[in-house]
C-alpha atoms as a PDB file:
ATOM      1  CA  UNK A   1      -4.645 -19.053  -8.951  1.00  0.00           C
ATOM      2  CA  UNK A   2      -6.463 -17.750 -12.034  1.00  0.00           C
ATOM      3  CA  UNK A   3      -8.054 -14.321 -12.064  1.00  0.00           C
ATOM      4  CA  UNK A   4     -10.558 -12.543 -14.263  1.00  0.00           C
ATOM      5  CA  UNK A   5      -9.494  -9.485 -16.216  1.00  0.00           C
ATOM      6  CA  UNK A   6     -11.775  -6.423 -16.120  1.00  0.00           C
ATOM      7  CA  UNK A   7     -12.610  -4.757 -19.417  1.00  0.00           C
ATOM      8  CA  UNK A   8     -14.937  -2.113 -20.832  1.00  0.00           C
ATOM      9  CA  UNK A   9     -18.503  -2.557 -19.617  1.00  0.00           C
ATOM     10  CA  UNK A  10     -17.673  -4.391 -16.395  1.00  0.00           C
ATOM     11  CA  UNK A  11     -20.135  -3.240 -13.722  1.00  0.00           C
ATOM     12  CA  UNK A  12     -18.755  -1.611 -10.570  1.00  0.00           C
ATOM     13  CA  UNK A  13     -20.536  -0.504  -7.399  1.00  0.00           C
ATOM     14  CA  UNK A  14     -19.783   1.731  -4.417  1.00  0.00           C
ATOM     15  CA  UNK A  15     -20.717   0.778  -0.869  1.00  0.00           C
ATOM     16  CA  UNK A  16     -22.257   4.262  -0.400  1.00  0.00           C
ATOM     17  CA  UNK A  17     -23.623   4.741  -3.934  1.00  0.00           C
ATOM     18  CA  UNK A  18     -27.207   4.308  -5.072  1.00  0.00           C
ATOM     19  CA  UNK A  19     -26.625   2.520  -8.378  1.00  0.00           C
ATOM     20  CA  UNK A  20     -23.971   0.355 -10.035  1.00  0.00           C
ATOM     21  CA  UNK A  21     -22.336   1.670 -13.230  1.00  0.00           C
ATOM     22  CA  UNK A  22     -20.074   0.294 -15.965  1.00  0.00           C
ATOM     23  CA  UNK A  23     -16.375   1.141 -15.780  1.00  0.00           C
ATOM     24  CA  UNK A  24     -15.054   3.186 -18.694  1.00  0.00           C
ATOM     25  CA  UNK A  25     -11.684   1.761 -19.721  1.00  0.00           C
ATOM     26  CA  UNK A  26      -9.034   4.004 -21.244  1.00  0.00           C
ATOM     27  CA  UNK A  27      -7.989   2.038 -24.367  1.00  0.00           C
ATOM     28  CA  UNK A  28      -4.302   1.081 -24.335  1.00  0.00           C
ATOM     29  CA  UNK A  29      -4.321  -1.357 -27.227  1.00  0.00           C
ATOM     30  CA  UNK A  30      -4.737  -4.493 -25.097  1.00  0.00           C
ATOM     31  CA  UNK A  31      -8.003  -6.379 -25.381  1.00  0.00           C
ATOM     32  CA  UNK A  32      -9.851  -9.044 -23.405  1.00  0.00           C
ATOM     33  CA  UNK A  33     -12.582 -10.749 -25.428  1.00  0.00           C
ATOM     34  CA  UNK A  34     -12.409  -7.959 -28.035  1.00  0.00           C
ATOM     35  CA  UNK A  35     -12.946  -5.192 -25.446  1.00  0.00           C
ATOM     36  CA  UNK A  36     -10.271  -2.867 -24.000  1.00  0.00           C
ATOM     37  CA  UNK A  37      -8.683  -4.345 -20.859  1.00  0.00           C
ATOM     38  CA  UNK A  38      -8.221  -2.138 -17.780  1.00  0.00           C
ATOM     39  CA  UNK A  39      -5.101  -1.369 -15.753  1.00  0.00           C
ATOM     40  CA  UNK A  40      -5.220  -0.369 -12.076  1.00  0.00           C
ATOM     41  CA  UNK A  41      -4.960   3.324 -12.974  1.00  0.00           C
ATOM     42  CA  UNK A  42      -8.389   3.270 -14.663  1.00  0.00           C
ATOM     43  CA  UNK A  43      -9.795   5.063 -11.620  1.00  0.00           C
ATOM     44  CA  UNK A  44     -10.058   8.681 -12.772  1.00  0.00           C
ATOM     45  CA  UNK A  45     -13.232  10.234 -11.297  1.00  0.00           C
ATOM     46  CA  UNK A  46     -15.960  10.930 -13.870  1.00  0.00           C
ATOM     47  CA  UNK A  47     -13.726   9.546 -16.640  1.00  0.00           C
ATOM     48  CA  UNK A  48     -13.244   5.874 -15.706  1.00  0.00           C
ATOM     49  CA  UNK A  49     -15.375   5.801 -12.550  1.00  0.00           C
ATOM     50  CA  UNK A  50     -18.705   7.470 -13.237  1.00  0.00           C
ATOM     51  CA  UNK A  51     -21.188   8.792 -10.695  1.00  0.00           C
ATOM     52  CA  UNK A  52     -23.062   6.179  -8.662  1.00  0.00           C
ATOM     53  CA  UNK A  53     -26.184   8.366  -8.531  1.00  0.00           C
ATOM     54  CA  UNK A  54     -26.647   9.487  -4.944  1.00  0.00           C
ATOM     55  CA  UNK A  55     -24.044   9.244  -2.168  1.00  0.00           C
ATOM     56  CA  UNK A  56     -24.968   8.225   1.392  1.00  0.00           C
ATOM     57  CA  UNK A  57     -21.531   8.612   2.986  1.00  0.00           C
ATOM     58  CA  UNK A  58     -21.526  10.790   6.108  1.00  0.00           C
ATOM     59  CA  UNK A  59     -17.871  11.601   5.242  1.00  0.00           C
ATOM     60  CA  UNK A  60     -19.008  13.377   2.060  1.00  0.00           C
ATOM     61  CA  UNK A  61     -19.193  17.109   2.955  1.00  0.00           C
ATOM     62  CA  UNK A  62     -22.343  17.591   0.852  1.00  0.00           C
ATOM     63  CA  UNK A  63     -24.104  14.687   2.597  1.00  0.00           C
ATOM     64  CA  UNK A  64     -22.934  15.920   6.012  1.00  0.00           C
ATOM     65  CA  UNK A  65     -24.276  19.432   5.336  1.00  0.00           C
ATOM     66  CA  UNK A  66     -27.623  18.188   4.011  1.00  0.00           C
ATOM     67  CA  UNK A  67     -27.952  15.784   6.945  1.00  0.00           C
ATOM     68  CA  UNK A  68     -27.255  18.605   9.415  1.00  0.00           C
ATOM     69  CA  UNK A  69     -29.953  20.727   7.757  1.00  0.00           C
ATOM     70  CA  UNK A  70     -32.338  17.762   8.060  1.00  0.00           C
ATOM     71  CA  UNK A  71     -31.668  17.640  11.829  1.00  0.00           C
ATOM     72  CA  UNK A  72     -29.633  14.435  11.679  1.00  0.00           C
ATOM     73  CA  UNK A  73     -31.703  12.518   9.147  1.00  0.00           C
ATOM     74  CA  UNK A  74     -29.264  11.029   6.609  1.00  0.00           C
ATOM     75  CA  UNK A  75     -29.803  12.948   3.385  1.00  0.00           C
ATOM     76  CA  UNK A  76     -28.109  11.527   0.276  1.00  0.00           C
ATOM     77  CA  UNK A  77     -26.586  13.970  -2.191  1.00  0.00           C
ATOM     78  CA  UNK A  78     -25.308  13.585  -5.776  1.00  0.00           C
ATOM     79  CA  UNK A  79     -22.262  11.337  -6.022  1.00  0.00           C
ATOM     80  CA  UNK A  80     -18.996  12.815  -7.258  1.00  0.00           C
ATOM     81  CA  UNK A  81     -16.425  10.016  -6.912  1.00  0.00           C
ATOM     82  CA  UNK A  82     -13.079  10.944  -5.333  1.00  0.00           C
ATOM     83  CA  UNK A  83     -11.288   7.736  -6.220  1.00  0.00           C
ATOM     84  CA  UNK A  84      -7.801   6.385  -5.675  1.00  0.00           C
ATOM     85  CA  UNK A  85      -6.022   3.776  -7.818  1.00  0.00           C
ATOM     86  CA  UNK A  86      -7.442   0.213  -7.872  1.00  0.00           C
ATOM     87  CA  UNK A  87      -5.635  -2.308  -5.683  1.00  0.00           C
ATOM     88  CA  UNK A  88      -4.024  -4.789  -5.898  1.00  0.00           C
ATOM     89  CA  UNK A  89      -4.594  -5.785  -9.533  1.00  0.00           C
ATOM     90  CA  UNK A  90      -2.692  -8.743 -10.970  1.00  0.00           C
ATOM     91  CA  UNK A  91       0.996  -7.888 -10.413  1.00  0.00           C
ATOM     92  CA  UNK A  92       2.143 -10.812 -12.562  1.00  0.00           C
ATOM     93  CA  UNK A  93       0.353  -9.403 -15.650  1.00  0.00           C
ATOM     94  CA  UNK A  94       1.314  -5.859 -16.636  1.00  0.00           C
ATOM     95  CA  UNK A  95      -0.516  -3.497 -18.966  1.00  0.00           C
ATOM     96  CA  UNK A  96       1.722  -0.610 -20.059  1.00  0.00           C
ATOM     97  CA  UNK A  97       3.847  -1.178 -16.928  1.00  0.00           C
ATOM     98  CA  UNK A  98       0.942  -1.348 -14.457  1.00  0.00           C
ATOM     99  CA  UNK A  99      -0.841  -4.390 -13.029  1.00  0.00           C
ATOM    100  CA  UNK A 100      -3.902  -5.349 -15.026  1.00  0.00           C
ATOM    101  CA  UNK A 101      -7.220  -4.815 -13.210  1.00  0.00           C
ATOM    102  CA  UNK A 102      -8.860  -8.024 -12.043  1.00  0.00           C
ATOM    103  CA  UNK A 103     -12.267  -8.838 -10.590  1.00  0.00           C
ATOM    104  CA  UNK A 104     -10.929  -9.102  -7.006  1.00  0.00           C
ATOM    105  CA  UNK A 105      -9.498  -5.555  -6.942  1.00  0.00           C
ATOM    106  CA  UNK A 106     -11.017  -2.693  -4.949  1.00  0.00           C
ATOM    107  CA  UNK A 107     -10.944   1.069  -5.366  1.00  0.00           C
ATOM    108  CA  UNK A 108     -11.420   3.482  -2.482  1.00  0.00           C
ATOM    109  CA  UNK A 109     -13.257   6.799  -2.448  1.00  0.00           C
ATOM    110  CA  UNK A 110     -11.950   9.633  -0.271  1.00  0.00           C
ATOM    111  CA  UNK A 111     -15.436   9.760   1.283  1.00  0.00           C
ATOM    112  CA  UNK A 112     -15.146   6.228   2.692  1.00  0.00           C
ATOM    113  CA  UNK A 113     -16.777   4.229  -0.074  1.00  0.00           C
ATOM    114  CA  UNK A 114     -15.364   0.915  -1.234  1.00  0.00           C
ATOM    115  CA  UNK A 115     -15.770   0.362  -4.965  1.00  0.00           C
ATOM    116  CA  UNK A 116     -15.847  -3.237  -6.092  1.00  0.00           C
ATOM    117  CA  UNK A 117     -16.377  -5.213  -9.259  1.00  0.00           C
ATOM    118  CA  UNK A 118     -20.014  -6.349  -9.269  1.00  0.00           C
ATOM    119  CA  UNK A 119     -20.413  -8.163 -12.548  1.00  0.00           C
ATOM    120  CA  UNK A 120     -18.135  -8.587 -15.511  1.00  0.00           C
ATOM    121  CA  UNK A 121     -19.689  -8.490 -18.959  1.00  0.00           C
ATOM    122  CA  UNK A 122     -16.712 -10.287 -20.433  1.00  0.00           C
ATOM    123  CA  UNK A 123     -13.678 -11.701 -18.673  1.00  0.00           C
ATOM    124  CA  UNK A 124     -10.647 -13.735 -19.566  1.00  0.00           C
ATOM    125  CA  UNK A 125      -9.094 -16.389 -17.354  1.00  0.00           C
ATOM    126  CA  UNK A 126      -5.429 -15.649 -16.700  1.00  0.00           C
ATOM    127  CA  UNK A 127      -3.018 -17.971 -14.938  1.00  0.00           C
ATOM    128  CA  UNK A 128      -0.814 -16.616 -12.166  1.00  0.00           C
END
């Protein structure tokens, strides 16, 4: 089944974040439609995965503290992603030894957020 490769500028969103942002791909010399293609390790907080504005996750210690001060009213706080590697990627297509990042992959934040690919600015069809 074909997949779509993620590259620089692809929009990602967090289930607890306020705003979607573009992924910042670490260039490795492989391009998809003239833009750097991403591998599953392009998940470094504030380098590849930027802030999503405000975080609403009750698992985020800053949100939990602000919510407690507001007597239980959920109080969003600035997002600082605590991301893990993207999964699963496309294991049949490797980029510097790692699966290439595809549009179906997810990334998880330590605060409970699920980061997904919202909209790709440029993708390439790849056979499996």
